[in-house]
Amino acid sequence: MIAESLALSAVLFTIGTIGVLTRRNAIVIFMCVELMLNAVNLSFVALSRQYGVTGQVFVVFVMTVAAAEAAVGLAIIISIFRHRQTVNLQNINLLKG
């Protein structure tokens, strides 16, 4: 059971990493980061089943950080879209002087 859960977690994390590295759309990258966080949560829960409740406590903290990241990240994406009319990262150069 634990081996299958960790394998699924590794596959999900790999898919998220490939998505972050290859995509140019900010919303898709944002979803891939969330997929990576959920993969880590799955591995924490799988390991906590064998070693104790500590992993589930970490899951609560990761979910809290993910919720805050979702709120702030979507606010930034909406702000950039209103200013530039795109969320394609190749067309965004807000930090250039």
N, C-alpha and C. Protein backbone atom coordinates (compact mmCIF):
# COMPACT_ATOMS: atom_id res chain seq x y z
N MET A 1 0.81 -1.20 0.00
CA MET A 1 0.00 0.00 0.00
C MET A 1 0.86 1.26 0.00
N ILE A 2 1.87 1.27 0.85
CA ILE A 2 2.69 2.47 0.93
C ILE A 2 3.53 2.65 -0.34
N ALA A 3 3.97 1.57 -0.93
CA ALA A 3 4.78 1.67 -2.15
C ALA A 3 3.96 2.24 -3.30
N GLU A 4 2.70 1.83 -3.42
CA GLU A 4 1.85 2.36 -4.48
C GLU A 4 1.55 3.84 -4.27
N SER A 5 1.34 4.22 -3.03
CA SER A 5 1.06 5.63 -2.73
C SER A 5 2.27 6.51 -3.03
N LEU A 6 3.45 6.03 -2.66
CA LEU A 6 4.66 6.81 -2.94
C LEU A 6 4.97 6.85 -4.43
N ALA A 7 4.67 5.77 -5.14
CA ALA A 7 4.87 5.77 -6.59
C ALA A 7 3.93 6.75 -7.27
N LEU A 8 2.66 6.76 -6.84
CA LEU A 8 1.71 7.72 -7.39
C LEU A 8 2.12 9.14 -7.07
N SER A 9 2.61 9.35 -5.85
CA SER A 9 3.08 10.68 -5.47
C SER A 9 4.26 11.12 -6.34
N ALA A 10 5.17 10.20 -6.62
CA ALA A 10 6.32 10.53 -7.47
C ALA A 10 5.88 10.86 -8.89
N VAL A 11 4.90 10.12 -9.40
CA VAL A 11 4.40 10.38 -10.76
C VAL A 11 3.72 11.75 -10.81
N LEU A 12 2.89 12.05 -9.82
CA LEU A 12 2.22 13.36 -9.79
C LEU A 12 3.22 14.50 -9.66
N PHE A 13 4.23 14.32 -8.83
CA PHE A 13 5.24 15.37 -8.66
C PHE A 13 6.03 15.56 -9.96
N THR A 14 6.33 14.47 -10.65
CA THR A 14 7.05 14.57 -11.92
C THR A 14 6.22 15.29 -12.98
N ILE A 15 4.94 14.97 -13.04
CA ILE A 15 4.06 15.66 -13.99
C ILE A 15 4.01 17.15 -13.68
N GLY A 16 3.91 17.50 -12.40
CA GLY A 16 3.91 18.91 -12.01
C GLY A 16 5.21 19.61 -12.36
N THR A 17 6.33 18.94 -12.13
CA THR A 17 7.63 19.55 -12.44
C THR A 17 7.79 19.77 -13.94
N ILE A 18 7.41 18.78 -14.73
CA ILE A 18 7.49 18.93 -16.19
C ILE A 18 6.58 20.05 -16.65
N GLY A 19 5.41 20.16 -16.06
CA GLY A 19 4.48 21.24 -16.42
C GLY A 19 5.04 22.61 -16.09
N VAL A 20 5.70 22.74 -14.94
CA VAL A 20 6.29 24.04 -14.58
C VAL A 20 7.43 24.40 -15.52
N LEU A 21 8.21 23.42 -15.91
CA LEU A 21 9.38 23.70 -16.75
C LEU A 21 9.04 23.92 -18.21
N THR A 22 7.92 23.39 -18.70
CA THR A 22 7.65 23.47 -20.13
C THR A 22 6.55 24.45 -20.52
N ARG A 23 5.67 24.79 -19.63
CA ARG A 23 4.53 25.65 -19.99
C ARG A 23 4.89 27.12 -19.88
N ARG A 24 4.14 27.94 -20.60
CA ARG A 24 4.36 29.39 -20.59
C ARG A 24 3.18 30.16 -20.01
N ASN A 25 2.05 29.50 -19.83
CA ASN A 25 0.87 30.15 -19.30
C ASN A 25 0.96 30.17 -17.77
N ALA A 26 0.78 31.34 -17.16
CA ALA A 26 0.94 31.48 -15.72
C ALA A 26 -0.09 30.66 -14.95
N ILE A 27 -1.29 30.53 -15.46
CA ILE A 27 -2.32 29.78 -14.76
C ILE A 27 -2.00 28.29 -14.79
N VAL A 28 -1.50 27.78 -15.90
CA VAL A 28 -1.12 26.37 -15.99
C VAL A 28 0.06 26.08 -15.07
N ILE A 29 1.02 26.98 -15.01
CA ILE A 29 2.16 26.81 -14.10
C ILE A 29 1.67 26.80 -12.66
N PHE A 30 0.73 27.67 -12.36
CA PHE A 30 0.15 27.74 -11.02
C PHE A 30 -0.53 26.42 -10.66
N MET A 31 -1.27 25.83 -11.60
CA MET A 31 -1.92 24.55 -11.35
C MET A 31 -0.90 23.43 -11.18
N CYS A 32 0.21 23.49 -11.91
CA CYS A 32 1.24 22.46 -11.77
C CYS A 32 1.93 22.55 -10.41
N VAL A 33 2.11 23.75 -9.89
CA VAL A 33 2.67 23.90 -8.55
C VAL A 33 1.71 23.32 -7.52
N GLU A 34 0.42 23.55 -7.69
CA GLU A 34 -0.57 22.97 -6.79
C GLU A 34 -0.56 21.45 -6.87
N LEU A 35 -0.36 20.89 -8.07
CA LEU A 35 -0.26 19.45 -8.23
C LEU A 35 0.95 18.90 -7.48
N MET A 36 2.05 19.63 -7.53
CA MET A 36 3.24 19.21 -6.81
C MET A 36 3.01 19.23 -5.30
N LEU A 37 2.32 20.25 -4.80
CA LEU A 37 2.01 20.30 -3.37
C LEU A 37 1.10 19.16 -2.95
N ASN A 38 0.13 18.81 -3.80
CA ASN A 38 -0.75 17.69 -3.49
C ASN A 38 0.01 16.36 -3.52
N ALA A 39 0.99 16.24 -4.39
CA ALA A 39 1.81 15.02 -4.42
C ALA A 39 2.59 14.88 -3.12
N VAL A 40 3.12 15.97 -2.62
CA VAL A 40 3.83 15.94 -1.34
C VAL A 40 2.87 15.58 -0.21
N ASN A 41 1.67 16.13 -0.25
CA ASN A 41 0.67 15.78 0.77
C ASN A 41 0.35 14.29 0.75
N LEU A 42 0.24 13.72 -0.44
CA LEU A 42 -0.04 12.29 -0.55
C LEU A 42 1.09 11.46 0.06
N SER A 43 2.31 11.86 -0.19
CA SER A 43 3.43 11.11 0.39
C SER A 43 3.48 11.27 1.91
N PHE A 44 3.16 12.47 2.42
CA PHE A 44 3.10 12.67 3.87
C PHE A 44 2.04 11.77 4.50
N VAL A 45 0.87 11.69 3.90
CA VAL A 45 -0.20 10.86 4.45
C VAL A 45 0.17 9.38 4.37
N ALA A 46 0.79 8.96 3.28
CA ALA A 46 1.20 7.56 3.15
C ALA A 46 2.24 7.20 4.19
N LEU A 47 3.19 8.08 4.41
CA LEU A 47 4.23 7.80 5.39
C LEU A 47 3.71 7.91 6.82
N SER A 48 2.74 8.80 7.04
CA SER A 48 2.19 8.93 8.40
C SER A 48 1.38 7.70 8.78
N ARG A 49 0.87 7.01 7.80
CA ARG A 49 0.14 5.77 8.09
C ARG A 49 1.07 4.72 8.69
N GLN A 50 2.33 4.76 8.29
CA GLN A 50 3.28 3.78 8.80
C GLN A 50 4.02 4.29 10.05
N TYR A 51 4.35 5.58 10.09
CA TYR A 51 5.24 6.08 11.15
C TYR A 51 4.54 6.91 12.22
N GLY A 52 3.30 7.31 12.04
CA GLY A 52 2.62 8.09 13.07
C GLY A 52 1.90 9.28 12.49
N VAL A 53 1.34 10.08 13.37
CA VAL A 53 0.45 11.17 12.98
C VAL A 53 1.21 12.42 12.53
N THR A 54 2.50 12.46 12.71
CA THR A 54 3.27 13.67 12.40
C THR A 54 3.11 14.10 10.94
N GLY A 55 3.03 13.17 10.04
CA GLY A 55 2.87 13.50 8.63
C GLY A 55 1.57 14.21 8.35
N GLN A 56 0.52 13.84 9.05
CA GLN A 56 -0.77 14.50 8.85
C GLN A 56 -0.75 15.93 9.37
N VAL A 57 0.05 16.20 10.38
CA VAL A 57 0.21 17.57 10.87
C VAL A 57 0.91 18.40 9.80
N PHE A 58 1.91 17.85 9.15
CA PHE A 58 2.58 18.55 8.06
C PHE A 58 1.63 18.82 6.90
N VAL A 59 0.72 17.90 6.65
CA VAL A 59 -0.26 18.08 5.57
C VAL A 59 -1.13 19.29 5.86
N VAL A 60 -1.54 19.47 7.10
CA VAL A 60 -2.35 20.64 7.45
C VAL A 60 -1.56 21.93 7.20
N PHE A 61 -0.29 21.94 7.56
CA PHE A 61 0.52 23.13 7.31
C PHE A 61 0.72 23.38 5.81
N VAL A 62 0.95 22.32 5.05
CA VAL A 62 1.12 22.47 3.60
C VAL A 62 -0.17 22.97 2.96
N MET A 63 -1.31 22.48 3.42
CA MET A 63 -2.59 22.95 2.88
C MET A 63 -2.83 24.41 3.22
N THR A 64 -2.42 24.83 4.40
CA THR A 64 -2.55 26.24 4.78
C THR A 64 -1.69 27.13 3.90
N VAL A 65 -0.46 26.72 3.66
CA VAL A 65 0.44 27.48 2.79
C VAL A 65 -0.10 27.48 1.36
N ALA A 66 -0.64 26.36 0.90
CA ALA A 66 -1.19 26.28 -0.45
C ALA A 66 -2.40 27.20 -0.62
N ALA A 67 -3.23 27.30 0.41
CA ALA A 67 -4.38 28.20 0.34
C ALA A 67 -3.93 29.66 0.28
N ALA A 68 -2.94 30.01 1.08
CA ALA A 68 -2.42 31.38 1.04
C ALA A 68 -1.75 31.67 -0.30
N GLU A 69 -1.01 30.68 -0.81
CA GLU A 69 -0.36 30.85 -2.11
C GLU A 69 -1.39 30.99 -3.22
N ALA A 70 -2.47 30.26 -3.12
CA ALA A 70 -3.52 30.35 -4.14
C ALA A 70 -4.15 31.75 -4.14
N ALA A 71 -4.41 32.28 -2.97
CA ALA A 71 -5.02 33.61 -2.89
C ALA A 71 -4.08 34.68 -3.44
N VAL A 72 -2.85 34.66 -3.00
CA VAL A 72 -1.88 35.67 -3.43
C VAL A 72 -1.52 35.48 -4.90
N GLY A 73 -1.31 34.23 -5.31
CA GLY A 73 -0.94 33.95 -6.70
C GLY A 73 -2.02 34.36 -7.68
N LEU A 74 -3.27 34.02 -7.38
CA LEU A 74 -4.35 34.41 -8.28
C LEU A 74 -4.54 35.93 -8.31
N ALA A 75 -4.32 36.59 -7.18
CA ALA A 75 -4.42 38.05 -7.18
C ALA A 75 -3.34 38.68 -8.06
N ILE A 76 -2.15 38.14 -8.01
CA ILE A 76 -1.07 38.64 -8.87
C ILE A 76 -1.37 38.37 -10.33
N ILE A 77 -1.86 37.16 -10.64
CA ILE A 77 -2.18 36.82 -12.02
C ILE A 77 -3.29 37.72 -12.56
N ILE A 78 -4.31 37.99 -11.76
CA ILE A 78 -5.40 38.88 -12.19
C ILE A 78 -4.88 40.30 -12.41
N SER A 79 -4.00 40.75 -11.53
CA SER A 79 -3.42 42.09 -11.68
C SER A 79 -2.59 42.20 -12.96
N ILE A 80 -1.80 41.18 -13.25
CA ILE A 80 -1.00 41.19 -14.48
C ILE A 80 -1.91 41.12 -15.70
N PHE A 81 -2.97 40.32 -15.63
CA PHE A 81 -3.88 40.23 -16.77
C PHE A 81 -4.58 41.56 -17.03
N ARG A 82 -4.96 42.26 -15.99
CA ARG A 82 -5.62 43.56 -16.18
C ARG A 82 -4.66 44.58 -16.77
N HIS A 83 -3.39 44.46 -16.44
CA HIS A 83 -2.42 45.43 -16.92
C HIS A 83 -1.92 45.09 -18.33
N ARG A 84 -1.66 43.81 -18.61
CA ARG A 84 -1.05 43.40 -19.87
C ARG A 84 -1.99 42.69 -20.83
N GLN A 85 -3.18 42.30 -20.39
CA GLN A 85 -4.16 41.57 -21.20
C GLN A 85 -3.66 40.20 -21.64
N THR A 86 -2.72 39.61 -20.90
CA THR A 86 -2.23 38.26 -21.19
C THR A 86 -1.66 37.66 -19.91
N VAL A 87 -1.67 36.33 -19.86
CA VAL A 87 -1.01 35.64 -18.76
C VAL A 87 0.13 34.77 -19.29
N ASN A 88 0.50 34.98 -20.56
CA ASN A 88 1.63 34.27 -21.15
C ASN A 88 2.91 34.88 -20.59
N LEU A 89 3.75 34.06 -20.01
CA LEU A 89 4.95 34.57 -19.33
C LEU A 89 5.99 35.13 -20.29
N GLN A 90 5.94 34.76 -21.56
CA GLN A 90 6.89 35.32 -22.51
C GLN A 90 6.58 36.79 -22.80
N ASN A 91 5.33 37.19 -22.66
CA ASN A 91 4.93 38.56 -22.96
C ASN A 91 4.96 39.48 -21.75
N ILE A 92 5.30 38.95 -20.60
CA ILE A 92 5.31 39.75 -19.37
C ILE A 92 6.74 40.12 -19.05
N ASN A 93 6.99 41.42 -19.00
CA ASN A 93 8.30 41.93 -18.66
C ASN A 93 8.15 43.10 -17.69
N LEU A 94 7.41 42.89 -16.62
CA LEU A 94 7.12 43.96 -15.67
C LEU A 94 8.35 44.41 -14.90
N LEU A 95 9.35 43.56 -14.74
CA LEU A 95 10.51 43.92 -13.93
C LEU A 95 11.62 44.60 -14.72
N LYS A 96 11.42 44.78 -16.03
CA LYS A 96 12.44 45.48 -16.81
C LYS A 96 12.36 46.96 -16.51
N GLY A 97 13.54 47.58 -16.45
CA GLY A 97 13.63 48.99 -16.09
C GLY A 97 13.44 49.93 -17.23
